[in-house]
Amino acid sequence: EGAQGILLDVDHGTYPFVTSSNTVAATA
């Protein structure tokens, strides 16, 4: 179960307006 959304991914989201973790599926 992921939290937040992919567009908040620290690498792939709308940086710097993102969260501080990777939210993509690979992070599982």
PDB file of all heavy atoms in Angstrom:
ATOM      1  N   GLU A   1       0.830  -1.203   0.000  1.00  0.00           N
ATOM      2  CA  GLU A   1       0.000   0.000   0.000  1.00  0.00           C
ATOM      3  C   GLU A   1       0.868   1.257   0.000  1.00  0.00           C
ATOM      4  O   GLU A   1       1.562   1.552   0.965  1.00  0.00           O
ATOM      5  CB  GLU A   1      -0.902  -0.006   1.242  1.00  0.00           C
ATOM      6  CG  GLU A   1      -1.755   1.235   1.403  1.00  0.00           C
ATOM      7  CD  GLU A   1      -2.551   1.229   2.700  1.00  0.00           C
ATOM      8  OE1 GLU A   1      -2.263   0.401   3.588  1.00  0.00           O
ATOM      9  OE2 GLU A   1      -3.463   2.061   2.817  1.00  0.00           O
ATOM     10  N   GLY A   2       0.813   1.999  -1.109  1.00  0.00           N
ATOM     11  CA  GLY A   2       1.556   3.243  -1.195  1.00  0.00           C
ATOM     12  C   GLY A   2       0.820   4.395  -0.539  1.00  0.00           C
ATOM     13  O   GLY A   2      -0.398   4.368  -0.351  1.00  0.00           O
ATOM     14  N   ALA A   3       1.574   5.424  -0.173  1.00  0.00           N
ATOM     15  CA  ALA A   3       1.003   6.646   0.398  1.00  0.00           C
ATOM     16  C   ALA A   3       1.268   7.811  -0.548  1.00  0.00           C
ATOM     17  O   ALA A   3       2.147   7.758  -1.396  1.00  0.00           O
ATOM     18  CB  ALA A   3       1.616   6.922   1.770  1.00  0.00           C
ATOM     19  N   GLN A   4       0.506   8.893  -0.392  1.00  0.00           N
ATOM     20  CA  GLN A   4       0.574  10.046  -1.290  1.00  0.00           C
ATOM     21  C   GLN A   4       0.298   9.622  -2.745  1.00  0.00           C
ATOM     22  O   GLN A   4      -0.505   8.727  -2.957  1.00  0.00           O
ATOM     23  CB  GLN A   4       1.926  10.772  -1.175  1.00  0.00           C
ATOM     24  CG  GLN A   4       2.119  11.514   0.133  1.00  0.00           C
ATOM     25  CD  GLN A   4       2.745  10.652   1.226  1.00  0.00           C
ATOM     26  OE1 GLN A   4       3.610   9.821   1.027  1.00  0.00           O
ATOM     27  NE2 GLN A   4       2.314  10.858   2.405  1.00  0.00           N
ATOM     28  N   GLY A   5       0.933  10.231  -3.707  1.00  0.00           N
ATOM     29  CA  GLY A   5       0.732   9.910  -5.111  1.00  0.00           C
ATOM     30  C   GLY A   5       2.035  10.059  -5.875  1.00  0.00           C
ATOM     31  O   GLY A   5       2.986  10.704  -5.398  1.00  0.00           O
ATOM     32  N   ILE A   6       2.074   9.489  -7.086  1.00  0.00           N
ATOM     33  CA  ILE A   6       3.317   9.485  -7.867  1.00  0.00           C
ATOM     34  C   ILE A   6       3.790  10.896  -8.195  1.00  0.00           C
ATOM     35  O   ILE A   6       4.993  11.160  -8.269  1.00  0.00           O
ATOM     36  CB  ILE A   6       3.131   8.653  -9.149  1.00  0.00           C
ATOM     37  CG1 ILE A   6       2.836   7.190  -8.789  1.00  0.00           C
ATOM     38  CG2 ILE A   6       4.372   8.718 -10.043  1.00  0.00           C
ATOM     39  CD1 ILE A   6       2.356   6.351  -9.951  1.00  0.00           C
ATOM     40  N   LEU A   7       2.851  11.838  -8.364  1.00  0.00           N
ATOM     41  CA  LEU A   7       3.235  13.211  -8.690  1.00  0.00           C
ATOM     42  C   LEU A   7       3.852  13.940  -7.497  1.00  0.00           C
ATOM     43  O   LEU A   7       4.311  15.077  -7.630  1.00  0.00           O
ATOM     44  CB  LEU A   7       2.029  13.987  -9.222  1.00  0.00           C
ATOM     45  CG  LEU A   7       1.535  13.529 -10.595  1.00  0.00           C
ATOM     46  CD1 LEU A   7       0.197  14.173 -10.932  1.00  0.00           C
ATOM     47  CD2 LEU A   7       2.568  13.854 -11.673  1.00  0.00           C
ATOM     48  N   LEU A   8       3.871  13.275  -6.331  1.00  0.00           N
ATOM     49  CA  LEU A   8       4.559  13.809  -5.157  1.00  0.00           C
ATOM     50  C   LEU A   8       5.877  13.083  -4.902  1.00  0.00           C
ATOM     51  O   LEU A   8       6.529  13.318  -3.877  1.00  0.00           O
ATOM     52  CB  LEU A   8       3.660  13.717  -3.918  1.00  0.00           C
ATOM     53  CG  LEU A   8       2.422  14.618  -3.927  1.00  0.00           C
ATOM     54  CD1 LEU A   8       1.558  14.343  -2.697  1.00  0.00           C
ATOM     55  CD2 LEU A   8       2.806  16.094  -3.970  1.00  0.00           C
ATOM     56  N   ASP A   9       6.285  12.210  -5.813  1.00  0.00           N
ATOM     57  CA  ASP A   9       7.552  11.494  -5.688  1.00  0.00           C
ATOM     58  C   ASP A   9       8.713  12.481  -5.700  1.00  0.00           C
ATOM     59  O   ASP A   9       8.745  13.415  -6.516  1.00  0.00           O
ATOM     60  CB  ASP A   9       7.689  10.490  -6.842  1.00  0.00           C
ATOM     61  CG  ASP A   9       8.910   9.600  -6.723  1.00  0.00           C
ATOM     62  OD1 ASP A   9      10.015  10.069  -7.064  1.00  0.00           O
ATOM     63  OD2 ASP A   9       8.756   8.444  -6.310  1.00  0.00           O
ATOM     64  N   VAL A  10       9.685  12.280  -4.816  1.00  0.00           N
ATOM     65  CA  VAL A  10      10.794  13.223  -4.687  1.00  0.00           C
ATOM     66  C   VAL A  10      11.664  13.265  -5.942  1.00  0.00           C
ATOM     67  O   VAL A  10      12.349  14.262  -6.205  1.00  0.00           O
ATOM     68  CB  VAL A  10      11.637  12.898  -3.429  1.00  0.00           C
ATOM     69  CG1 VAL A  10      12.437  11.591  -3.607  1.00  0.00           C
ATOM     70  CG2 VAL A  10      12.530  14.071  -3.044  1.00  0.00           C
ATOM     71  N   ASP A  11      11.655  12.221  -6.755  1.00  0.00           N
ATOM     72  CA  ASP A  11      12.400  12.203  -8.015  1.00  0.00           C
ATOM     73  C   ASP A  11      11.536  12.509  -9.233  1.00  0.00           C
ATOM     74  O   ASP A  11      11.992  13.156 -10.178  1.00  0.00           O
ATOM     75  CB  ASP A  11      13.074  10.837  -8.221  1.00  0.00           C
ATOM     76  CG  ASP A  11      14.268  10.634  -7.312  1.00  0.00           C
ATOM     77  OD1 ASP A  11      15.168  11.478  -7.313  1.00  0.00           O
ATOM     78  OD2 ASP A  11      14.297   9.625  -6.599  1.00  0.00           O
ATOM     79  N   HIS A  12      10.311  12.012  -9.234  1.00  0.00           N
ATOM     80  CA  HIS A  12       9.481  12.050 -10.434  1.00  0.00           C
ATOM     81  C   HIS A  12       8.274  12.976 -10.344  1.00  0.00           C
ATOM     82  O   HIS A  12       7.500  13.079 -11.292  1.00  0.00           O
ATOM     83  CB  HIS A  12       9.007  10.632 -10.765  1.00  0.00           C
ATOM     84  CG  HIS A  12      10.123   9.665 -10.978  1.00  0.00           C
ATOM     85  ND1 HIS A  12      10.928   9.699 -12.092  1.00  0.00           N
ATOM     86  CD2 HIS A  12      10.590   8.652 -10.209  1.00  0.00           C
ATOM     87  CE1 HIS A  12      11.837   8.745 -12.004  1.00  0.00           C
ATOM     88  NE2 HIS A  12      11.663   8.094 -10.870  1.00  0.00           N
ATOM     89  N   GLY A  13       8.109  13.649  -9.212  1.00  0.00           N
ATOM     90  CA  GLY A  13       6.968  14.527  -9.032  1.00  0.00           C
ATOM     91  C   GLY A  13       7.260  15.966  -9.392  1.00  0.00           C
ATOM     92  O   GLY A  13       8.279  16.282 -10.028  1.00  0.00           O
ATOM     93  N   THR A  14       6.347  16.869  -9.001  1.00  0.00           N
ATOM     94  CA  THR A  14       6.468  18.290  -9.307  1.00  0.00           C
ATOM     95  C   THR A  14       7.412  18.964  -8.299  1.00  0.00           C
ATOM     96  O   THR A  14       7.008  19.816  -7.508  1.00  0.00           O
ATOM     97  CB  THR A  14       5.081  18.956  -9.303  1.00  0.00           C
ATOM     98  OG1 THR A  14       4.367  18.578  -8.106  1.00  0.00           O
ATOM     99  CG2 THR A  14       4.286  18.541 -10.516  1.00  0.00           C
ATOM    100  N   TYR A  15       8.667  18.567  -8.367  1.00  0.00           N
ATOM    101  CA  TYR A  15       9.731  19.044  -7.482  1.00  0.00           C
ATOM    102  C   TYR A  15       9.925  20.562  -7.612  1.00  0.00           C
ATOM    103  O   TYR A  15       9.934  21.087  -8.716  1.00  0.00           O
ATOM    104  CB  TYR A  15      11.024  18.318  -7.846  1.00  0.00           C
ATOM    105  CG  TYR A  15      12.176  18.516  -6.901  1.00  0.00           C
ATOM    106  CD1 TYR A  15      12.399  17.614  -5.864  1.00  0.00           C
ATOM    107  CD2 TYR A  15      13.036  19.589  -7.038  1.00  0.00           C
ATOM    108  CE1 TYR A  15      13.475  17.779  -5.000  1.00  0.00           C
ATOM    109  CE2 TYR A  15      14.106  19.768  -6.166  1.00  0.00           C
ATOM    110  CZ  TYR A  15      14.321  18.859  -5.155  1.00  0.00           C
ATOM    111  OH  TYR A  15      15.387  19.019  -4.290  1.00  0.00           O
ATOM    112  N   PRO A  16      10.075  21.314  -6.485  1.00  0.00           N
ATOM    113  CA  PRO A  16      10.249  20.858  -5.107  1.00  0.00           C
ATOM    114  C   PRO A  16       8.955  20.672  -4.323  1.00  0.00           C
ATOM    115  O   PRO A  16       8.991  20.407  -3.129  1.00  0.00           O
ATOM    116  CB  PRO A  16      11.074  21.992  -4.497  1.00  0.00           C
ATOM    117  CG  PRO A  16      10.549  23.216  -5.192  1.00  0.00           C
ATOM    118  CD  PRO A  16      10.260  22.783  -6.606  1.00  0.00           C
ATOM    119  N   PHE A  17       7.802  20.815  -4.998  1.00  0.00           N
ATOM    120  CA  PHE A  17       6.521  20.685  -4.309  1.00  0.00           C
ATOM    121  C   PHE A  17       6.112  19.211  -4.249  1.00  0.00           C
ATOM    122  O   PHE A  17       5.126  18.782  -4.868  1.00  0.00           O
ATOM    123  CB  PHE A  17       5.468  21.537  -5.016  1.00  0.00           C
ATOM    124  CG  PHE A  17       5.833  22.998  -5.075  1.00  0.00           C
ATOM    125  CD1 PHE A  17       6.424  23.531  -6.212  1.00  0.00           C
ATOM    126  CD2 PHE A  17       5.610  23.825  -3.990  1.00  0.00           C
ATOM    127  CE1 PHE A  17       6.772  24.868  -6.260  1.00  0.00           C
ATOM    128  CE2 PHE A  17       5.953  25.163  -4.031  1.00  0.00           C
ATOM    129  CZ  PHE A  17       6.543  25.693  -5.161  1.00  0.00           C
ATOM    130  N   VAL A  18       6.888  18.458  -3.497  1.00  0.00           N
ATOM    131  CA  VAL A  18       6.737  17.007  -3.417  1.00  0.00           C
ATOM    132  C   VAL A  18       6.889  16.561  -1.972  1.00  0.00           C
ATOM    133  O   VAL A  18       7.209  17.357  -1.087  1.00  0.00           O
ATOM    134  CB  VAL A  18       7.793  16.294  -4.300  1.00  0.00           C
ATOM    135  CG1 VAL A  18       7.545  16.574  -5.769  1.00  0.00           C
ATOM    136  CG2 VAL A  18       9.217  16.728  -3.910  1.00  0.00           C
ATOM    137  N   THR A  19       6.676  15.279  -1.733  1.00  0.00           N
ATOM    138  CA  THR A  19       6.954  14.712  -0.424  1.00  0.00           C
ATOM    139  C   THR A  19       8.430  14.319  -0.364  1.00  0.00           C
ATOM    140  O   THR A  19       9.182  14.533  -1.320  1.00  0.00           O
ATOM    141  CB  THR A  19       6.026  13.510  -0.142  1.00  0.00           C
ATOM    142  OG1 THR A  19       6.095  13.167   1.254  1.00  0.00           O
ATOM    143  CG2 THR A  19       6.396  12.294  -1.004  1.00  0.00           C
ATOM    144  N   SER A  20       8.868  13.737   0.750  1.00  0.00           N
ATOM    145  CA  SER A  20      10.291  13.464   0.949  1.00  0.00           C
ATOM    146  C   SER A  20      10.662  12.006   0.727  1.00  0.00           C
ATOM    147  O   SER A  20      11.735  11.564   1.134  1.00  0.00           O
ATOM    148  CB  SER A  20      10.709  13.898   2.359  1.00  0.00           C
ATOM    149  OG  SER A  20      10.533  15.287   2.521  1.00  0.00           O
ATOM    150  N   SER A  21       9.779  11.260   0.085  1.00  0.00           N
ATOM    151  CA  SER A  21      10.060   9.854  -0.201  1.00  0.00           C
ATOM    152  C   SER A  21       9.715   9.545  -1.646  1.00  0.00           C
ATOM    153  O   SER A  21       9.082  10.333  -2.341  1.00  0.00           O
ATOM    154  CB  SER A  21       9.270   8.934   0.738  1.00  0.00           C
ATOM    155  OG  SER A  21       7.864   9.096   0.555  1.00  0.00           O
ATOM    156  N   ASN A  22      10.142   8.368  -2.101  1.00  0.00           N
ATOM    157  CA  ASN A  22       9.749   7.878  -3.416  1.00  0.00           C
ATOM    158  C   ASN A  22       8.397   7.181  -3.311  1.00  0.00           C
ATOM    159  O   ASN A  22       8.239   6.253  -2.514  1.00  0.00           O
ATOM    160  CB  ASN A  22      10.787   6.916  -3.974  1.00  0.00           C
ATOM    161  CG  ASN A  22      12.062   7.621  -4.402  1.00  0.00           C
ATOM    162  OD1 ASN A  22      13.109   7.484  -3.787  1.00  0.00           O
ATOM    163  ND2 ASN A  22      12.000   8.395  -5.475  1.00  0.00           N
ATOM    164  N   THR A  23       7.440   7.643  -4.090  1.00  0.00           N
ATOM    165  CA  THR A  23       6.077   7.126  -4.020  1.00  0.00           C
ATOM    166  C   THR A  23       5.742   6.170  -5.162  1.00  0.00           C
ATOM    167  O   THR A  23       4.621   5.666  -5.232  1.00  0.00           O
ATOM    168  CB  THR A  23       5.069   8.292  -4.027  1.00  0.00           C
ATOM    169  OG1 THR A  23       5.239   9.050  -5.243  1.00  0.00           O
ATOM    170  CG2 THR A  23       5.294   9.228  -2.845  1.00  0.00           C
ATOM    171  N   VAL A  24       6.694   5.930  -6.061  1.00  0.00           N
ATOM    172  CA  VAL A  24       6.458   5.030  -7.189  1.00  0.00           C
ATOM    173  C   VAL A  24       6.408   3.577  -6.718  1.00  0.00           C
ATOM    174  O   VAL A  24       6.873   3.241  -5.628  1.00  0.00           O
ATOM    175  CB  VAL A  24       7.548   5.201  -8.270  1.00  0.00           C
ATOM    176  CG1 VAL A  24       7.453   6.578  -8.904  1.00  0.00           C
ATOM    177  CG2 VAL A  24       8.942   4.950  -7.702  1.00  0.00           C
ATOM    178  N   ALA A  25       5.871   2.717  -7.564  1.00  0.00           N
ATOM    179  CA  ALA A  25       5.655   1.315  -7.197  1.00  0.00           C
ATOM    180  C   ALA A  25       6.942   0.578  -6.859  1.00  0.00           C
ATOM    181  O   ALA A  25       6.951  -0.312  -6.003  1.00  0.00           O
ATOM    182  CB  ALA A  25       4.923   0.592  -8.330  1.00  0.00           C
ATOM    183  N   ALA A  26       8.041   0.942  -7.518  1.00  0.00           N
ATOM    184  CA  ALA A  26       9.304   0.253  -7.271  1.00  0.00           C
ATOM    185  C   ALA A  26       9.755   0.357  -5.824  1.00  0.00           C
ATOM    186  O   ALA A  26      10.495  -0.500  -5.325  1.00  0.00           O
ATOM    187  CB  ALA A  26      10.391   0.812  -8.196  1.00  0.00           C
ATOM    188  N   THR A  27       9.292   1.399  -5.122  1.00  0.00           N
ATOM    189  CA  THR A  27       9.670   1.607  -3.725  1.00  0.00           C
ATOM    190  C   THR A  27       9.117   0.523  -2.812  1.00  0.00           C
ATOM    191  O   THR A  27       9.609   0.323  -1.700  1.00  0.00           O
ATOM    192  CB  THR A  27       9.206   2.993  -3.243  1.00  0.00           C
ATOM    193  OG1 THR A  27       9.588   3.981  -4.197  1.00  0.00           O
ATOM    194  CG2 THR A  27       9.807   3.366  -1.894  1.00  0.00           C
ATOM    195  N   ALA A  28       8.105  -0.191  -3.259  1.00  0.00           N
ATOM    196  CA  ALA A  28       7.556  -1.283  -2.455  1.00  0.00           C
ATOM    197  C   ALA A  28       8.625  -2.310  -2.114  1.00  0.00           C
ATOM    198  O   ALA A  28       8.613  -2.896  -1.022  1.00  0.00           O
ATOM    199  CB  ALA A  28       6.389  -1.950  -3.176  1.00  0.00           C
TER     200      ALA A  28
END
